[in-house]
């Protein structure tokens, strides 16, 4: 985690398909990360995550930072394991 981030808390969960995390950024305490898992046709699982910002929307630069950090935190190790 970066200096301006905290570990998220699980705010809600509905097995086996949904999880809601608290914000990773103390400067944006009301943001939430929603995860939805669905079965794919090939027998795998699809993961969709959405960052919800109920307060004032961040500017374009901040939005890009938040999206990049979530992508990095969630998927960087997976990409690295495939040499990307």
N, C-alpha and C. Protein backbone atom coordinates (compact mmCIF):
# COMPACT_ATOMS: atom_id res chain seq x y z
N UNK A 1 0.85 -1.17 0.00
CA UNK A 1 0.00 0.00 0.00
C UNK A 1 0.89 1.24 0.00
N UNK A 2 0.42 2.25 -0.70
CA UNK A 2 1.14 3.52 -0.72
C UNK A 2 0.87 4.28 0.59
N UNK A 3 1.64 5.33 0.81
CA UNK A 3 1.53 6.10 2.05
C UNK A 3 0.14 6.69 2.26
N UNK A 4 -0.57 7.00 1.16
CA UNK A 4 -1.90 7.60 1.28
C UNK A 4 -3.03 6.57 1.20
N UNK A 5 -2.72 5.28 1.42
CA UNK A 5 -3.71 4.21 1.32
C UNK A 5 -3.79 3.42 2.62
N UNK A 6 -4.93 2.80 2.82
CA UNK A 6 -5.14 1.91 3.96
C UNK A 6 -5.74 0.60 3.45
N UNK A 7 -5.58 -0.46 4.23
CA UNK A 7 -6.20 -1.73 3.87
C UNK A 7 -7.72 -1.55 3.89
N UNK A 8 -8.40 -2.09 2.89
CA UNK A 8 -9.87 -1.98 2.89
C UNK A 8 -10.49 -2.94 3.90
N UNK A 9 -11.70 -2.61 4.29
CA UNK A 9 -12.51 -3.50 5.13
C UNK A 9 -13.63 -4.07 4.26
N UNK A 10 -14.07 -5.26 4.58
CA UNK A 10 -15.22 -5.84 3.89
C UNK A 10 -16.47 -5.25 4.53
N UNK A 11 -17.24 -4.52 3.72
CA UNK A 11 -18.46 -3.88 4.22
C UNK A 11 -19.67 -4.78 4.04
N UNK A 12 -19.64 -5.61 3.00
CA UNK A 12 -20.75 -6.52 2.72
C UNK A 12 -20.23 -7.65 1.86
N UNK A 13 -20.88 -8.78 1.99
CA UNK A 13 -20.53 -9.93 1.16
C UNK A 13 -21.76 -10.81 1.01
N UNK A 14 -21.93 -11.32 -0.18
CA UNK A 14 -23.02 -12.23 -0.47
C UNK A 14 -22.42 -13.40 -1.24
N UNK A 15 -22.15 -14.47 -0.52
CA UNK A 15 -21.52 -15.63 -1.15
C UNK A 15 -22.46 -16.21 -2.19
N UNK A 16 -21.99 -16.63 -3.30
CA UNK A 16 -20.61 -16.58 -3.79
C UNK A 16 -20.39 -15.47 -4.81
N UNK A 17 -21.22 -14.44 -4.81
CA UNK A 17 -21.20 -13.56 -5.98
C UNK A 17 -20.83 -12.10 -5.76
N UNK A 18 -20.82 -11.60 -4.54
CA UNK A 18 -20.58 -10.17 -4.36
C UNK A 18 -19.77 -9.88 -3.10
N UNK A 19 -18.91 -8.86 -3.22
CA UNK A 19 -18.15 -8.35 -2.07
C UNK A 19 -18.05 -6.84 -2.23
N UNK A 20 -18.16 -6.12 -1.13
CA UNK A 20 -18.01 -4.66 -1.14
C UNK A 20 -16.91 -4.31 -0.16
N UNK A 21 -15.91 -3.56 -0.66
CA UNK A 21 -14.81 -3.08 0.17
C UNK A 21 -15.02 -1.61 0.52
N UNK A 22 -14.49 -1.23 1.66
CA UNK A 22 -14.42 0.19 2.00
C UNK A 22 -13.34 0.85 1.15
N UNK A 23 -13.27 2.14 1.22
CA UNK A 23 -12.28 2.90 0.47
C UNK A 23 -10.86 2.57 0.91
N UNK A 24 -9.95 2.61 -0.03
CA UNK A 24 -8.53 2.44 0.27
C UNK A 24 -7.87 3.78 0.56
N UNK A 25 -8.61 4.86 0.38
CA UNK A 25 -8.04 6.21 0.49
C UNK A 25 -8.75 7.01 1.58
N UNK A 26 -8.05 7.29 2.68
CA UNK A 26 -8.65 8.07 3.76
C UNK A 26 -9.16 9.44 3.30
N UNK A 27 -8.57 9.98 2.25
CA UNK A 27 -9.03 11.28 1.73
C UNK A 27 -10.37 11.15 1.00
N UNK A 28 -10.80 9.92 0.73
CA UNK A 28 -12.08 9.66 0.04
C UNK A 28 -12.81 8.56 0.82
N UNK A 29 -13.21 8.82 2.06
CA UNK A 29 -13.71 7.78 2.96
C UNK A 29 -15.03 7.13 2.52
N UNK A 30 -15.81 7.77 1.68
CA UNK A 30 -17.11 7.21 1.30
C UNK A 30 -17.06 6.38 0.02
N UNK A 31 -15.91 6.35 -0.65
CA UNK A 31 -15.78 5.52 -1.84
C UNK A 31 -15.89 4.05 -1.45
N UNK A 32 -16.37 3.24 -2.38
CA UNK A 32 -16.47 1.80 -2.17
C UNK A 32 -16.04 1.08 -3.44
N UNK A 33 -15.48 -0.11 -3.26
CA UNK A 33 -15.13 -0.97 -4.38
C UNK A 33 -16.07 -2.17 -4.34
N UNK A 34 -16.84 -2.33 -5.42
CA UNK A 34 -17.80 -3.44 -5.52
C UNK A 34 -17.25 -4.50 -6.46
N UNK A 35 -17.30 -5.75 -6.03
CA UNK A 35 -16.87 -6.88 -6.84
C UNK A 35 -18.08 -7.77 -7.11
N UNK A 36 -18.22 -8.19 -8.36
CA UNK A 36 -19.29 -9.11 -8.73
C UNK A 36 -18.64 -10.26 -9.50
N UNK A 37 -18.91 -11.47 -9.05
CA UNK A 37 -18.40 -12.67 -9.72
C UNK A 37 -19.55 -13.41 -10.36
N UNK A 38 -19.36 -13.81 -11.62
CA UNK A 38 -20.37 -14.57 -12.33
C UNK A 38 -19.70 -15.72 -13.07
N UNK A 39 -20.44 -16.78 -13.24
CA UNK A 39 -19.92 -17.94 -13.97
C UNK A 39 -19.87 -17.60 -15.46
N UNK A 40 -18.78 -18.00 -16.10
CA UNK A 40 -18.67 -17.80 -17.54
C UNK A 40 -19.12 -19.07 -18.26
N UNK A 41 -19.36 -18.94 -19.53
CA UNK A 41 -19.85 -20.08 -20.31
C UNK A 41 -18.84 -21.21 -20.41
N UNK A 42 -17.56 -20.88 -20.29
CA UNK A 42 -16.52 -21.91 -20.42
C UNK A 42 -16.18 -22.58 -19.09
N UNK A 43 -16.95 -22.30 -18.05
CA UNK A 43 -16.73 -22.92 -16.76
C UNK A 43 -15.85 -22.11 -15.82
N UNK A 44 -15.34 -20.97 -16.28
CA UNK A 44 -14.52 -20.10 -15.45
C UNK A 44 -15.37 -19.12 -14.67
N UNK A 45 -14.73 -18.10 -14.18
CA UNK A 45 -15.41 -17.06 -13.41
C UNK A 45 -15.03 -15.70 -13.95
N UNK A 46 -16.00 -14.84 -14.14
CA UNK A 46 -15.77 -13.46 -14.56
C UNK A 46 -15.79 -12.57 -13.33
N UNK A 47 -14.83 -11.66 -13.23
CA UNK A 47 -14.77 -10.71 -12.12
C UNK A 47 -14.96 -9.31 -12.68
N UNK A 48 -15.90 -8.60 -12.11
CA UNK A 48 -16.13 -7.20 -12.48
C UNK A 48 -15.99 -6.39 -11.21
N UNK A 49 -15.18 -5.34 -11.27
CA UNK A 49 -15.08 -4.46 -10.11
C UNK A 49 -15.44 -3.05 -10.52
N UNK A 50 -16.08 -2.35 -9.60
CA UNK A 50 -16.55 -0.99 -9.85
C UNK A 50 -16.19 -0.13 -8.65
N UNK A 51 -15.58 1.01 -8.91
CA UNK A 51 -15.30 1.98 -7.86
C UNK A 51 -16.44 2.98 -7.84
N UNK A 52 -17.16 3.03 -6.73
CA UNK A 52 -18.27 3.97 -6.58
C UNK A 52 -17.84 5.14 -5.73
N UNK A 53 -18.15 6.33 -6.20
CA UNK A 53 -17.79 7.56 -5.50
C UNK A 53 -19.05 8.38 -5.27
N UNK A 54 -19.73 8.16 -4.14
CA UNK A 54 -21.01 8.83 -3.90
C UNK A 54 -20.89 10.34 -3.68
N UNK A 55 -19.73 10.79 -3.26
CA UNK A 55 -19.53 12.22 -3.05
C UNK A 55 -19.16 12.87 -4.37
N UNK A 56 -18.59 14.03 -4.30
CA UNK A 56 -18.17 14.74 -5.51
C UNK A 56 -17.20 13.89 -6.31
N UNK A 57 -17.46 13.78 -7.60
CA UNK A 57 -16.60 12.98 -8.46
C UNK A 57 -15.20 13.59 -8.51
N UNK A 58 -14.17 12.74 -8.49
CA UNK A 58 -12.81 13.27 -8.58
C UNK A 58 -12.54 13.81 -9.98
N UNK A 59 -11.54 14.69 -10.07
CA UNK A 59 -11.18 15.19 -11.39
C UNK A 59 -10.57 14.05 -12.21
N UNK A 60 -10.36 14.29 -13.48
CA UNK A 60 -9.90 13.26 -14.40
C UNK A 60 -8.55 12.66 -13.97
N UNK A 61 -7.65 13.49 -13.49
CA UNK A 61 -6.35 13.01 -13.05
C UNK A 61 -6.47 12.07 -11.85
N UNK A 62 -7.28 12.45 -10.88
CA UNK A 62 -7.49 11.62 -9.68
C UNK A 62 -8.20 10.33 -10.05
N UNK A 63 -9.18 10.41 -10.94
CA UNK A 63 -9.87 9.21 -11.40
C UNK A 63 -8.89 8.23 -12.02
N UNK A 64 -8.00 8.74 -12.85
CA UNK A 64 -6.99 7.89 -13.48
C UNK A 64 -6.10 7.23 -12.45
N UNK A 65 -5.71 7.99 -11.42
CA UNK A 65 -4.86 7.44 -10.36
C UNK A 65 -5.59 6.32 -9.61
N UNK A 66 -6.84 6.55 -9.24
CA UNK A 66 -7.60 5.55 -8.50
C UNK A 66 -7.78 4.28 -9.33
N UNK A 67 -8.10 4.43 -10.60
CA UNK A 67 -8.28 3.27 -11.48
C UNK A 67 -6.97 2.50 -11.64
N UNK A 68 -5.89 3.22 -11.82
CA UNK A 68 -4.58 2.58 -11.99
C UNK A 68 -4.18 1.81 -10.74
N UNK A 69 -4.40 2.41 -9.58
CA UNK A 69 -4.02 1.74 -8.34
C UNK A 69 -4.85 0.47 -8.11
N UNK A 70 -6.15 0.54 -8.37
CA UNK A 70 -6.96 -0.67 -8.21
C UNK A 70 -6.50 -1.76 -9.18
N UNK A 71 -6.25 -1.38 -10.41
CA UNK A 71 -5.77 -2.34 -11.40
C UNK A 71 -4.45 -2.96 -10.93
N UNK A 72 -3.56 -2.14 -10.44
CA UNK A 72 -2.27 -2.63 -9.99
C UNK A 72 -2.41 -3.54 -8.77
N UNK A 73 -3.20 -3.11 -7.80
CA UNK A 73 -3.36 -3.90 -6.58
C UNK A 73 -4.06 -5.24 -6.85
N UNK A 74 -5.02 -5.24 -7.75
CA UNK A 74 -5.79 -6.45 -7.99
C UNK A 74 -5.13 -7.40 -8.99
N UNK A 75 -4.43 -6.86 -9.98
CA UNK A 75 -4.01 -7.72 -11.09
C UNK A 75 -2.53 -7.72 -11.43
N UNK A 76 -1.72 -6.90 -10.82
CA UNK A 76 -0.30 -6.82 -11.19
C UNK A 76 0.41 -8.15 -11.00
N UNK A 77 0.21 -8.80 -9.87
CA UNK A 77 0.90 -10.07 -9.64
C UNK A 77 0.49 -11.12 -10.67
N UNK A 78 -0.76 -11.13 -11.07
CA UNK A 78 -1.20 -12.06 -12.09
C UNK A 78 -0.50 -11.80 -13.41
N UNK A 79 -0.43 -10.53 -13.81
CA UNK A 79 0.26 -10.17 -15.06
C UNK A 79 1.73 -10.53 -14.98
N UNK A 80 2.36 -10.25 -13.85
CA UNK A 80 3.77 -10.55 -13.68
C UNK A 80 4.04 -12.05 -13.79
N UNK A 81 3.10 -12.86 -13.31
CA UNK A 81 3.29 -14.30 -13.37
C UNK A 81 3.28 -14.82 -14.80
N UNK A 82 2.71 -14.05 -15.73
CA UNK A 82 2.71 -14.40 -17.14
C UNK A 82 3.78 -13.64 -17.91
N UNK A 83 4.67 -12.95 -17.19
CA UNK A 83 5.77 -12.25 -17.83
C UNK A 83 5.40 -10.95 -18.52
N UNK A 84 4.29 -10.35 -18.15
CA UNK A 84 3.85 -9.10 -18.80
C UNK A 84 4.25 -7.90 -17.98
